[in-house]
């Protein structure tokens, strides 16, 4: 005769061991990623980093001759602000705050602060 209670107890043990194993793998993976400098902000929809999108904006300025001087990117100025990517573009001796959408589709050479 099959002991149904014994089978359920064995299944509960197996499920518990699997859950502990999965939790352990997740914790170990998180620790490894945190030690390697991994940052969730570097993962972007479409696979583009903030820096790549800022460089795309600079290329747009230079390739479309929007300035007589060559534009360059200040790599240290890239950050997120209000759901956009904020970065500084240097044209000649002047630096300008510029913005782009996180998907890299829209570039804003200027923004006006509506609420302070």
Protein backbone atom coordinates (compact mmCIF):
# COMPACT_ATOMS: atom_id res chain seq x y z
CA UNK A 1 0.00 0.00 0.00
CA UNK A 2 1.25 3.48 -0.89
CA UNK A 3 1.72 5.82 2.04
CA UNK A 4 0.42 9.16 0.69
CA UNK A 5 1.49 11.12 3.78
CA UNK A 6 5.06 9.93 3.34
CA UNK A 7 5.07 11.02 -0.32
CA UNK A 8 3.76 14.53 0.58
CA UNK A 9 6.36 14.93 3.33
CA UNK A 10 9.12 13.92 0.91
CA UNK A 11 7.80 16.41 -1.68
CA UNK A 12 7.73 19.19 0.92
CA UNK A 13 11.37 18.43 1.81
CA UNK A 14 12.37 18.51 -1.86
CA UNK A 15 10.59 21.81 -2.43
CA UNK A 16 12.26 23.28 0.66
CA UNK A 17 15.73 22.18 -0.53
CA UNK A 18 15.11 23.62 -4.01
CA UNK A 19 13.89 26.93 -2.55
CA UNK A 20 16.94 27.18 -0.28
CA UNK A 21 19.21 26.37 -3.24
CA UNK A 22 17.63 29.02 -5.47
CA UNK A 23 17.80 31.64 -2.70
CA UNK A 24 21.47 30.78 -2.13
CA UNK A 25 22.29 31.13 -5.82
CA UNK A 26 20.53 34.51 -5.97
CA UNK A 27 22.37 35.78 -2.88
CA UNK A 28 25.77 34.57 -4.13
CA UNK A 29 25.11 36.10 -7.57
CA UNK A 30 24.12 39.42 -6.02
CA UNK A 31 27.28 39.46 -3.90
CA UNK A 32 29.49 38.71 -6.89
CA UNK A 33 27.84 41.40 -9.01
CA UNK A 34 28.04 43.99 -6.22
CA UNK A 35 31.78 43.32 -5.76
CA UNK A 36 32.43 43.61 -9.50
CA UNK A 37 31.04 47.15 -9.63
CA UNK A 38 27.89 46.09 -11.45
CA UNK A 39 25.23 48.79 -11.37
CA UNK A 40 21.62 48.32 -12.45
CA UNK A 41 21.67 51.84 -13.88
CA UNK A 42 24.10 50.61 -16.55
CA UNK A 43 21.43 48.30 -17.96
CA UNK A 44 19.32 50.26 -20.41
CA UNK A 45 16.40 49.42 -22.65
CA UNK A 46 17.76 48.81 -26.12
CA UNK A 47 21.20 47.99 -24.70
CA UNK A 48 22.67 51.52 -24.73
CA UNK A 49 24.54 52.94 -21.77
CA UNK A 50 24.15 56.57 -20.69
CA UNK A 51 27.61 57.31 -22.07
CA UNK A 52 26.79 55.76 -25.46
CA UNK A 53 23.64 57.89 -25.72
CA UNK A 54 25.55 61.06 -24.77
CA UNK A 55 28.19 60.22 -27.39
CA UNK A 56 25.40 59.72 -29.93
CA UNK A 57 24.20 63.29 -29.20
CA UNK A 58 27.71 64.69 -29.69
CA UNK A 59 28.03 62.77 -32.97
CA UNK A 60 24.70 64.23 -34.08
CA UNK A 61 25.98 67.77 -33.46
CA UNK A 62 29.24 67.13 -35.29
CA UNK A 63 27.79 65.15 -38.22
CA UNK A 64 25.03 67.68 -38.91
CA UNK A 65 27.33 70.71 -38.68
CA UNK A 66 25.25 72.31 -35.91
CA UNK A 67 28.33 74.17 -34.72
CA UNK A 68 31.35 75.67 -36.42
CA UNK A 69 33.53 74.20 -33.67
CA UNK A 70 33.76 70.49 -32.93
CA UNK A 71 31.63 69.35 -30.01
CA UNK A 72 33.02 67.00 -27.37
CA UNK A 73 31.60 65.17 -24.37
CA UNK A 74 32.65 65.74 -20.76
CA UNK A 75 32.71 62.06 -19.64
CA UNK A 76 32.57 63.00 -15.95
CA UNK A 77 29.31 64.92 -16.29
CA UNK A 78 26.96 62.08 -17.28
CA UNK A 79 24.13 61.52 -14.80
CA UNK A 80 20.42 60.87 -14.57
CA UNK A 81 17.97 63.66 -13.89
CA UNK A 82 14.16 63.65 -14.02
CA UNK A 83 14.06 60.45 -16.05
CA UNK A 84 16.52 61.80 -18.63
CA UNK A 85 20.26 61.51 -19.16
CA UNK A 86 22.03 64.76 -18.34
CA UNK A 87 25.52 65.48 -19.73
CA UNK A 88 27.80 68.38 -20.61
CA UNK A 89 28.80 69.10 -24.17
CA UNK A 90 31.79 71.31 -24.80
CA UNK A 91 31.79 73.43 -27.95
CA UNK A 92 34.86 75.59 -28.30
CA UNK A 93 35.47 77.07 -24.83
CA UNK A 94 31.81 76.86 -23.74
CA UNK A 95 30.11 73.97 -21.92
CA UNK A 96 26.39 73.30 -22.15
CA UNK A 97 24.11 71.05 -20.11
CA UNK A 98 22.24 68.78 -22.50
CA UNK A 99 19.68 66.02 -22.10
CA UNK A 100 18.58 62.88 -23.93
CA UNK A 101 15.89 60.30 -23.38
CA UNK A 102 17.00 56.96 -21.91
CA UNK A 103 16.15 55.15 -25.15
CA UNK A 104 18.43 57.51 -27.11
CA UNK A 105 15.70 58.67 -29.49
CA UNK A 106 15.39 62.33 -28.40
CA UNK A 107 18.11 64.89 -27.71
CA UNK A 108 17.46 68.17 -25.91
CA UNK A 109 20.24 70.74 -26.25
CA UNK A 110 18.53 72.83 -23.59
CA UNK A 111 15.91 72.44 -20.86
CA UNK A 112 14.02 74.96 -18.79
CA UNK A 113 13.41 74.28 -15.11
CA UNK A 114 9.70 74.82 -14.47
CA UNK A 115 9.60 74.02 -10.75
CA UNK A 116 12.38 74.94 -8.35
